[in-house]
C-alpha atoms as a PDB file:
ATOM      1  CA  PRO A   1      -0.266   0.160   0.334  1.00  0.00           C
ATOM      2  CA  ASP A   2       1.139   3.956  -0.715  1.00  0.00           C
ATOM      3  CA  THR A   3       1.167   5.006   2.818  1.00  0.00           C
ATOM      4  CA  VAL A   4       2.584   8.076   3.851  1.00  0.00           C
ATOM      5  CA  PRO A   5       6.058   6.742   5.821  1.00  0.00           C
ATOM      6  CA  ALA A   6       6.342   4.520   2.556  1.00  0.00           C
ATOM      7  CA  ARG A   7       6.392   7.851   0.019  1.00  0.00           C
ATOM      8  CA  HIS A   8       9.191   9.361   2.322  1.00  0.00           C
ATOM      9  CA  ALA A   9      11.048   6.421   2.698  1.00  0.00           C
ATOM     10  CA  LYS A  10      11.097   6.322  -1.564  1.00  0.00           C
ATOM     11  CA  ASN A  11      11.545  10.489  -1.288  1.00  0.00           C
ATOM     12  CA  ARG A  12      14.782   9.347   1.381  1.00  0.00           C
ATOM     13  CA  GLY A  13      16.552   6.759  -1.446  1.00  0.00           C
ATOM     14  CA  ALA A  14      16.170   9.489  -4.009  1.00  0.00           C
ATOM     15  CA  LEU A  15      17.797  12.124  -2.170  1.00  0.00           C
ATOM     16  CA  SER A  16      20.193  10.006  -1.094  1.00  0.00           C
ATOM     17  CA  ILE A  17      21.280   8.905  -4.741  1.00  0.00           C
ATOM     18  CA  ALA A  18      21.147  12.387  -6.408  1.00  0.00           C
ATOM     19  CA  PHE A  19      23.190  13.228  -3.302  1.00  0.00           C
ATOM     20  CA  ARG A  20      25.742  10.595  -4.336  1.00  0.00           C
ATOM     21  CA  VAL A  21      25.929  11.520  -7.533  1.00  0.00           C
ATOM     22  CA  PHE A  22      26.449  15.165  -6.569  1.00  0.00           C
ATOM     23  CA  GLN A  23      29.489  14.135  -4.672  1.00  0.00           C
ATOM     24  CA  VAL A  24      30.916  12.125  -7.941  1.00  0.00           C
ATOM     25  CA  PHE A  25      30.499  14.798 -10.009  1.00  0.00           C
ATOM     26  CA  TRP A  26      31.835  17.130  -7.525  1.00  0.00           C
ATOM     27  CA  LYS A  27      34.912  15.318  -7.433  1.00  0.00           C
ATOM     28  CA  ALA A  28      35.395  15.118 -10.715  1.00  0.00           C
ATOM     29  CA  LEU A  29      35.173  18.963 -11.152  1.00  0.00           C
ATOM     30  CA  TRP A  30      37.593  19.446  -8.804  1.00  0.00           C
ATOM     31  CA  SER A  31      40.004  17.029 -10.273  1.00  0.00           C
ATOM     32  CA  VAL A  32      39.855  18.530 -13.354  1.00  0.00           C
ATOM     33  CA  VAL A  33      40.292  21.890 -11.502  1.00  0.00           C
ATOM     34  CA  LEU A  34      43.113  21.105 -10.002  1.00  0.00           C
ATOM     35  CA  ILE A  35      44.775  19.094 -13.205  1.00  0.00           C
ATOM     36  CA  GLY A  36      44.490  22.498 -14.699  1.00  0.00           C
ATOM     37  CA  ILE A  37      45.927  24.693 -12.284  1.00  0.00           C
ATOM     38  CA  ILE A  38      49.284  22.674 -11.707  1.00  0.00           C
ATOM     39  CA  THR A  39      49.428  22.124 -15.796  1.00  0.00           C
ATOM     40  CA  GLY A  40      48.729  26.231 -15.830  1.00  0.00           C
ATOM     41  CA  PHE A  41      51.698  26.467 -12.652  1.00  0.00           C
ATOM     42  CA  VAL A  42      54.107  24.024 -14.614  1.00  0.00           C
ATOM     43  CA  CYS A  43      53.796  25.739 -18.014  1.00  0.00           C
ATOM     44  CA  MET A  44      54.172  29.073 -16.065  1.00  0.00           C
ATOM     45  CA  ILE A  45      57.432  27.831 -14.818  1.00  0.00           C
ATOM     46  CA  ALA A  46      58.899  26.597 -18.092  1.00  0.00           C
ATOM     47  CA  MET A  47      57.833  29.706 -19.853  1.00  0.00           C
ATOM     48  CA  LEU A  48      59.615  31.541 -17.215  1.00  0.00           C
ATOM     49  CA  MET A  49      62.431  29.894 -17.316  1.00  0.00           C
ATOM     50  CA  TYR A  50      62.463  30.166 -21.039  1.00  0.00           C
ATOM     51  CA  LEU A  51      62.186  33.722 -20.937  1.00  0.00           C
ATOM     52  CA  TYR A  52      65.183  33.699 -18.719  1.00  0.00           C
ATOM     53  CA  SER A  53      67.433  31.739 -20.505  1.00  0.00           C
ATOM     54  CA  MET A  54      66.708  34.465 -23.547  1.00  0.00           C
ATOM     55  CA  LYS A  55      67.866  37.667 -21.279  1.00  0.00           C
ATOM     56  CA  ASP A  56      71.275  38.068 -22.786  1.00  0.00           C
ATOM     57  CA  TYR A  57      69.900  36.828 -26.277  1.00  0.00           C
ATOM     58  CA  LYS A  58      71.525  39.432 -29.033  1.00  0.00           C
ATOM     59  CA  ALA A  59      71.092  38.930 -32.771  1.00  0.00           C
ATOM     60  CA  ASP A  60      74.592  38.630 -34.728  1.00  0.00           C
ATOM     61  CA  VAL A  61      74.579  42.603 -35.370  1.00  0.00           C
ATOM     62  CA  ASP A  62      77.375  45.141 -35.352  1.00  0.00           C
ATOM     63  CA  LEU A  63      76.332  48.642 -36.504  1.00  0.00           C
ATOM     64  CA  ASN A  64      79.599  49.881 -36.722  1.00  0.00           C
ATOM     65  CA  ALA A  65      80.479  47.112 -39.393  1.00  0.00           C
ATOM     66  CA  ILE A  66      77.467  47.594 -41.617  1.00  0.00           C
ATOM     67  CA  THR A  67      78.339  46.921 -45.457  1.00  0.00           C
ATOM     68  CA  LEU A  68      75.830  47.298 -48.023  1.00  0.00           C
ATOM     69  CA  ASN A  69      76.245  47.261 -51.749  1.00  0.00           C
ATOM     70  CA  GLU A  70      75.331  50.908 -52.051  1.00  0.00           C
ATOM     71  CA  THR A  71      74.676  52.493 -55.756  1.00  0.00           C
ATOM     72  CA  SER A  72      77.370  53.748 -57.689  1.00  0.00           C
ATOM     73  CA  TYR A  73      77.449  57.352 -59.870  1.00  0.00           C
ATOM     74  CA  VAL A  74      79.477  58.129 -62.634  1.00  0.00           C
ATOM     75  CA  TYR A  75      80.665  61.706 -63.187  1.00  0.00           C
ATOM     76  CA  SER A  76      81.739  63.939 -65.931  1.00  0.00           C
ATOM     77  CA  GLN A  77      82.882  67.261 -67.581  1.00  0.00           C
ATOM     78  CA  ASN A  78      79.933  69.295 -69.143  1.00  0.00           C
ATOM     79  CA  THR A  79      81.218  71.903 -72.287  1.00  0.00           C
ATOM     80  CA  ALA A  80      81.773  74.251 -69.617  1.00  0.00           C
ATOM     81  CA  GLY A  81      84.065  71.967 -67.355  1.00  0.00           C
ATOM     82  CA  GLU A  82      81.895  71.230 -64.305  1.00  0.00           C
ATOM     83  CA  TRP A  83      81.472  67.808 -62.964  1.00  0.00           C
ATOM     84  CA  VAL A  84      77.977  66.522 -63.426  1.00  0.00           C
ATOM     85  CA  GLU A  85      76.454  63.401 -62.862  1.00  0.00           C
ATOM     86  CA  SER A  86      76.268  61.081 -65.861  1.00  0.00           C
ATOM     87  CA  ALA A  87      75.169  57.512 -64.646  1.00  0.00           C
ATOM     88  CA  GLN A  88      74.200  55.256 -61.606  1.00  0.00           C
ATOM     89  CA  PHE A  89      75.012  52.290 -61.062  1.00  0.00           C
ATOM     90  CA  HIS A  90      73.183  49.472 -58.829  1.00  0.00           C
ATOM     91  CA  GLY A  91      71.784  45.942 -58.647  1.00  0.00           C
ATOM     92  CA  VAL A  92      67.467  45.717 -57.040  1.00  0.00           C
ATOM     93  CA  GLU A  93      68.527  47.618 -54.455  1.00  0.00           C
ATOM     94  CA  ASN A  94      69.063  51.060 -54.737  1.00  0.00           C
ATOM     95  CA  ARG A  95      71.526  52.448 -51.713  1.00  0.00           C
ATOM     96  CA  GLU A  96      73.410  55.437 -50.688  1.00  0.00           C
ATOM     97  CA  TRP A  97      74.563  55.678 -47.212  1.00  0.00           C
ATOM     98  CA  VAL A  98      73.730  59.165 -45.184  1.00  0.00           C
ATOM     99  CA  ASP A  99      75.393  60.684 -41.901  1.00  0.00           C
ATOM    100  CA  LEU A 100      72.561  61.327 -39.311  1.00  0.00           C
ATOM    101  CA  ASP A 101      73.792  65.051 -38.970  1.00  0.00           C
ATOM    102  CA  ASP A 102      72.826  65.003 -43.022  1.00  0.00           C
ATOM    103  CA  ILE A 103      69.733  64.179 -42.299  1.00  0.00           C
ATOM    104  CA  PRO A 104      66.933  66.667 -41.738  1.00  0.00           C
ATOM    105  CA  GLU A 105      65.960  67.093 -38.029  1.00  0.00           C
ATOM    106  CA  THR A 106      62.192  67.029 -39.995  1.00  0.00           C
ATOM    107  CA  LEU A 107      62.406  63.940 -41.764  1.00  0.00           C
ATOM    108  CA  ILE A 108      63.927  62.286 -38.290  1.00  0.00           C
ATOM    109  CA  ASN A 109      60.876  63.551 -36.522  1.00  0.00           C
ATOM    110  CA  ALA A 110      58.565  62.626 -39.030  1.00  0.00           C
ATOM    111  CA  PHE A 111      59.880  58.894 -39.194  1.00  0.00           C
ATOM    112  CA  ILE A 112      59.718  58.227 -35.154  1.00  0.00           C
ATOM    113  CA  SER A 113      56.100  60.167 -35.312  1.00  0.00           C
ATOM    114  CA  THR A 114      54.895  58.045 -37.284  1.00  0.00           C
ATOM    115  CA  GLU A 115      56.610  54.894 -36.681  1.00  0.00           C
ATOM    116  CA  ASP A 116      57.654  55.211 -32.800  1.00  0.00           C
ATOM    117  CA  LYS A 117      56.795  58.030 -30.953  1.00  0.00           C
ATOM    118  CA  ARG A 118      58.602  56.581 -27.928  1.00  0.00           C
ATOM    119  CA  PHE A 119      61.576  55.754 -29.231  1.00  0.00           C
ATOM    120  CA  ARG A 120      63.896  58.493 -27.484  1.00  0.00           C
ATOM    121  CA  THR A 121      62.396  57.313 -24.247  1.00  0.00           C
ATOM    122  CA  HIS A 122      61.780  53.445 -24.260  1.00  0.00           C
ATOM    123  CA  HIS A 123      64.715  50.842 -24.191  1.00  0.00           C
ATOM    124  CA  GLY A 124      64.176  48.849 -27.374  1.00  0.00           C
ATOM    125  CA  VAL A 125      60.962  47.637 -27.208  1.00  0.00           C
ATOM    126  CA  ASP A 126      57.635  50.102 -26.415  1.00  0.00           C
ATOM    127  CA  TRP A 127      55.897  47.878 -23.800  1.00  0.00           C
ATOM    128  CA  ILE A 128      52.625  49.611 -24.415  1.00  0.00           C
ATOM    129  CA  ARG A 129      52.444  49.126 -27.774  1.00  0.00           C
ATOM    130  CA  THR A 130      53.472  45.408 -27.450  1.00  0.00           C
ATOM    131  CA  GLY A 131      50.412  45.262 -24.886  1.00  0.00           C
ATOM    132  CA  PHE A 132      48.284  47.108 -27.817  1.00  0.00           C
ATOM    133  CA  ALA A 133      49.297  44.747 -30.580  1.00  0.00           C
ATOM    134  CA  VAL A 134      49.090  41.690 -28.291  1.00  0.00           C
ATOM    135  CA  LEU A 135      45.688  42.566 -27.537  1.00  0.00           C
ATOM    136  CA  ASN A 136      43.988  43.286 -31.158  1.00  0.00           C
ATOM    137  CA  THR A 137      45.737  39.796 -31.650  1.00  0.00           C
ATOM    138  CA  PHE A 138      42.775  38.239 -29.898  1.00  0.00           C
ATOM    139  CA  THR A 139      40.082  40.829 -30.928  1.00  0.00           C
ATOM    140  CA  SER A 140      38.088  41.499 -34.281  1.00  0.00           C
ATOM    141  CA  GLN A 141      38.449  45.203 -33.911  1.00  0.00           C
ATOM    142  CA  SER A 142      40.497  45.624 -37.255  1.00  0.00           C
ATOM    143  CA  SER A 143      40.256  49.373 -37.297  1.00  0.00           C
ATOM    144  CA  THR A 144      42.355  49.773 -34.667  1.00  0.00           C
ATOM    145  CA  LYS A 145      45.355  46.527 -34.744  1.00  0.00           C
ATOM    146  CA  GLN A 146      48.149  48.429 -35.164  1.00  0.00           C
ATOM    147  CA  GLY A 147      52.085  46.667 -34.889  1.00  0.00           C
ATOM    148  CA  GLY A 148      54.040  46.811 -31.611  1.00  0.00           C
ATOM    149  CA  SER A 149      57.477  47.117 -33.463  1.00  0.00           C
ATOM    150  CA  THR A 150      59.885  49.609 -32.677  1.00  0.00           C
ATOM    151  CA  LEU A 151      62.215  51.297 -34.680  1.00  0.00           C
ATOM    152  CA  THR A 152      64.781  49.124 -32.660  1.00  0.00           C
ATOM    153  CA  GLN A 153      63.593  45.790 -33.793  1.00  0.00           C
ATOM    154  CA  GLN A 154      62.784  46.703 -37.474  1.00  0.00           C
ATOM    155  CA  LEU A 155      66.201  47.561 -37.854  1.00  0.00           C
ATOM    156  CA  ILE A 156      66.827  44.118 -35.886  1.00  0.00           C
ATOM    157  CA  LYS A 157      64.365  42.621 -38.397  1.00  0.00           C
ATOM    158  CA  ASN A 158      66.408  44.425 -41.327  1.00  0.00           C
ATOM    159  CA  LEU A 159      70.040  43.255 -40.455  1.00  0.00           C
ATOM    160  CA  THR A 160      68.931  39.557 -39.855  1.00  0.00           C
ATOM    161  CA  ASN A 161      66.121  38.933 -42.755  1.00  0.00           C
ATOM    162  CA  ASP A 162      64.637  36.940 -40.007  1.00  0.00           C
ATOM    163  CA  LYS A 163      60.982  37.415 -40.418  1.00  0.00           C
ATOM    164  CA  SER A 164      59.237  34.189 -39.732  1.00  0.00           C
ATOM    165  CA  VAL A 165      55.799  34.520 -38.054  1.00  0.00           C
ATOM    166  CA  SER A 166      56.457  32.889 -34.668  1.00  0.00           C
ATOM    167  CA  ILE A 167      56.040  33.072 -30.999  1.00  0.00           C
ATOM    168  CA  SER A 168      59.463  32.451 -30.610  1.00  0.00           C
ATOM    169  CA  ARG A 169      60.654  35.119 -33.458  1.00  0.00           C
ATOM    170  CA  LYS A 170      59.073  37.570 -31.687  1.00  0.00           C
ATOM    171  CA  LEU A 171      60.925  36.533 -28.432  1.00  0.00           C
ATOM    172  CA  ARG A 172      63.852  36.721 -30.127  1.00  0.00           C
ATOM    173  CA  GLU A 173      63.201  40.253 -31.570  1.00  0.00           C
ATOM    174  CA  ILE A 174      62.406  41.756 -28.610  1.00  0.00           C
ATOM    175  CA  PHE A 175      65.713  40.702 -26.487  1.00  0.00           C
ATOM    176  CA  SER A 176      67.809  41.400 -29.239  1.00  0.00           C
ATOM    177  CA  ALA A 177      66.805  45.180 -29.485  1.00  0.00           C
ATOM    178  CA  LEU A 178      66.846  45.098 -25.315  1.00  0.00           C
ATOM    179  CA  ASN A 179      70.238  44.313 -25.906  1.00  0.00           C
ATOM    180  CA  LEU A 180      71.101  46.271 -28.491  1.00  0.00           C
ATOM    181  CA  GLU A 181      70.115  49.866 -26.703  1.00  0.00           C
ATOM    182  CA  LYS A 182      72.702  48.317 -23.861  1.00  0.00           C
ATOM    183  CA  ASP A 183      75.536  48.410 -26.678  1.00  0.00           C
ATOM    184  CA  TYR A 184      74.672  51.597 -29.202  1.00  0.00           C
ATOM    185  CA  SER A 185      72.774  54.879 -28.597  1.00  0.00           C
ATOM    186  CA  LYS A 186      70.196  55.759 -29.774  1.00  0.00           C
ATOM    187  CA  ASP A 187      72.104  58.090 -32.887  1.00  0.00           C
ATOM    188  CA  GLN A 188      73.460  54.820 -33.836  1.00  0.00           C
ATOM    189  CA  ILE A 189      70.429  52.909 -34.064  1.00  0.00           C
ATOM    190  CA  LEU A 190      68.200  55.808 -35.770  1.00  0.00           C
ATOM    191  CA  GLU A 191      71.311  55.742 -38.755  1.00  0.00           C
ATOM    192  CA  ALA A 192      71.168  52.386 -38.620  1.00  0.00           C
ATOM    193  CA  TYR A 193      67.533  52.548 -39.673  1.00  0.00           C
ATOM    194  CA  LEU A 194      66.967  55.557 -41.813  1.00  0.00           C
ATOM    195  CA  ASN A 195      69.738  53.927 -44.186  1.00  0.00           C
ATOM    196  CA  LEU A 196      68.057  50.450 -44.173  1.00  0.00           C
ATOM    197  CA  ILE A 197      64.598  50.756 -44.431  1.00  0.00           C
ATOM    198  CA  ASN A 198      62.652  50.133 -47.424  1.00  0.00           C
ATOM    199  CA  LEU A 199      61.074  52.978 -49.382  1.00  0.00           C
ATOM    200  CA  GLY A 200      59.902  51.038 -52.134  1.00  0.00           C
ATOM    201  CA  ASN A 201      60.608  51.861 -56.004  1.00  0.00           C
ATOM    202  CA  GLY A 202      63.848  49.451 -55.103  1.00  0.00           C
ATOM    203  CA  SER A 203      65.069  52.627 -53.070  1.00  0.00           C
ATOM    204  CA  TYR A 204      66.402  51.607 -49.333  1.00  0.00           C
ATOM    205  CA  GLY A 205      66.955  54.503 -46.929  1.00  0.00           C
ATOM    206  CA  VAL A 206      66.700  57.953 -47.033  1.00  0.00           C
ATOM    207  CA  GLY A 207      69.388  59.061 -49.077  1.00  0.00           C
ATOM    208  CA  ALA A 208      68.201  57.572 -52.001  1.00  0.00           C
ATOM    209  CA  ALA A 209      64.845  57.899 -51.303  1.00  0.00           C
ATOM    210  CA  ALA A 210      65.501  61.379 -51.493  1.00  0.00           C
ATOM    211  CA  GLN A 211      66.903  60.827 -55.068  1.00  0.00           C
ATOM    212  CA  THR A 212      64.471  58.639 -56.309  1.00  0.00           C
ATOM    213  CA  TYR A 213      61.395  60.385 -55.956  1.00  0.00           C
ATOM    214  CA  PHE A 214      62.226  63.939 -55.726  1.00  0.00           C
ATOM    215  CA  ASN A 215      65.786  64.022 -57.559  1.00  0.00           C
ATOM    216  CA  LYS A 216      67.885  65.899 -54.470  1.00  0.00           C
ATOM    217  CA  PRO A 217      70.281  65.306 -51.970  1.00  0.00           C
ATOM    218  CA  VAL A 218      68.229  64.712 -48.391  1.00  0.00           C
ATOM    219  CA  GLN A 219      69.659  67.565 -46.978  1.00  0.00           C
ATOM    220  CA  GLU A 220      67.422  69.571 -49.315  1.00  0.00           C
ATOM    221  CA  LEU A 221      63.881  68.152 -48.415  1.00  0.00           C
ATOM    222  CA  THR A 222      61.281  70.585 -47.723  1.00  0.00           C
ATOM    223  CA  LEU A 223      58.509  69.903 -45.226  1.00  0.00           C
ATOM    224  CA  ILE A 224      56.493  68.583 -47.655  1.00  0.00           C
ATOM    225  CA  GLU A 225      58.929  65.731 -49.211  1.00  0.00           C
ATOM    226  CA  CYS A 226      59.989  64.751 -45.569  1.00  0.00           C
ATOM    227  CA  ALA A 227      56.059  64.179 -44.725  1.00  0.00           C
ATOM    228  CA  ALA A 228      55.768  62.064 -48.299  1.00  0.00           C
ATOM    229  CA  ILE A 229      58.594  59.685 -47.692  1.00  0.00           C
ATOM    230  CA  ALA A 230      58.115  59.074 -43.950  1.00  0.00           C
ATOM    231  CA  GLY A 231      54.554  58.293 -45.125  1.00  0.00           C
ATOM    232  CA  ILE A 232      56.059  55.126 -47.408  1.00  0.00           C
ATOM    233  CA  THR A 233      56.965  53.117 -44.384  1.00  0.00           C
ATOM    234  CA  GLN A 234      53.795  51.710 -43.548  1.00  0.00           C
ATOM    235  CA  ASN A 235      53.161  50.491 -47.114  1.00  0.00           C
ATOM    236  CA  PRO A 236      55.932  51.228 -49.587  1.00  0.00           C
ATOM    237  CA  TYR A 237      53.530  49.552 -52.567  1.00  0.00           C
ATOM    238  CA  SER A 238      50.488  51.111 -51.212  1.00  0.00           C
ATOM    239  CA  TYR A 239      51.759  54.318 -50.375  1.00  0.00           C
ATOM    240  CA  ASN A 240      54.605  54.769 -53.547  1.00  0.00           C
ATOM    241  CA  PRO A 241      54.244  58.282 -54.303  1.00  0.00           C
ATOM    242  CA  PHE A 242      54.671  57.361 -58.370  1.00  0.00           C
ATOM    243  CA  TYR A 243      52.094  54.805 -58.627  1.00  0.00           C
ATOM    244  CA  TYR A 244      49.322  55.498 -55.728  1.00  0.00           C
ATOM    245  CA  PRO A 245      49.952  59.514 -55.600  1.00  0.00           C
ATOM    246  CA  MET A 246      46.592  60.043 -54.194  1.00  0.00           C
ATOM    247  CA  ASN A 247      47.358  58.008 -51.517  1.00  0.00           C
ATOM    248  CA  ASN A 248      50.613  59.422 -50.539  1.00  0.00           C
ATOM    249  CA  THR A 249      48.864  62.521 -50.367  1.00  0.00           C
ATOM    250  CA  THR A 250      46.677  61.514 -47.617  1.00  0.00           C
ATOM    251  CA  ARG A 251      48.986  59.880 -45.756  1.00  0.00           C
ATOM    252  CA  ARG A 252      51.396  62.303 -45.768  1.00  0.00           C
END
């Protein structure tokens, strides 16, 4: 017979089973959480050990011994007896090394403003930009995406030609930049960067770019011409003054 005590007994039995099921589930969940915490802790320790092992990593770079295939110039005398340039010879890369003292301050400021505005104050890595770059990597805010590389990091990439897309490559670049700024002054780094940067049309460095786009020495560039050259850096193809003058004008 379905008496009240019998119904109470059934309810107590059902509750007992439910409680045991809950205990098993809770133990399993807690075990998964503990395994996750331990695994995360081990991974964190391994990462810290890896980062510590790289703290003295340096790229094989010597700014005092940079050798480049520079453009050769041929001069001849005209009818007035003046020596004038009559020919240029260069390979795929058109280069002309220019000392930092001969580069207009306006052009230097333009590059720093658009590529690395905290160049004068950071120690090789702009951690604010790096943080935003990492954040943007995991978001879909394409309109705010920006690179995190400083001028020092870009210089290392150009000198080593290590352009692989990987975390290990980025870490090598970061530690190389930090250590490069311990060995060289900001002016040395800036001079090397401005003479190595790709500026489109086979022009590498601001000296070659000034001749290519404006047919004049870099020392004679105007404010607008400096802005035009600095604006090419972000995308040497899309901001090429010859092929996309409106893009360059807007960027300028």
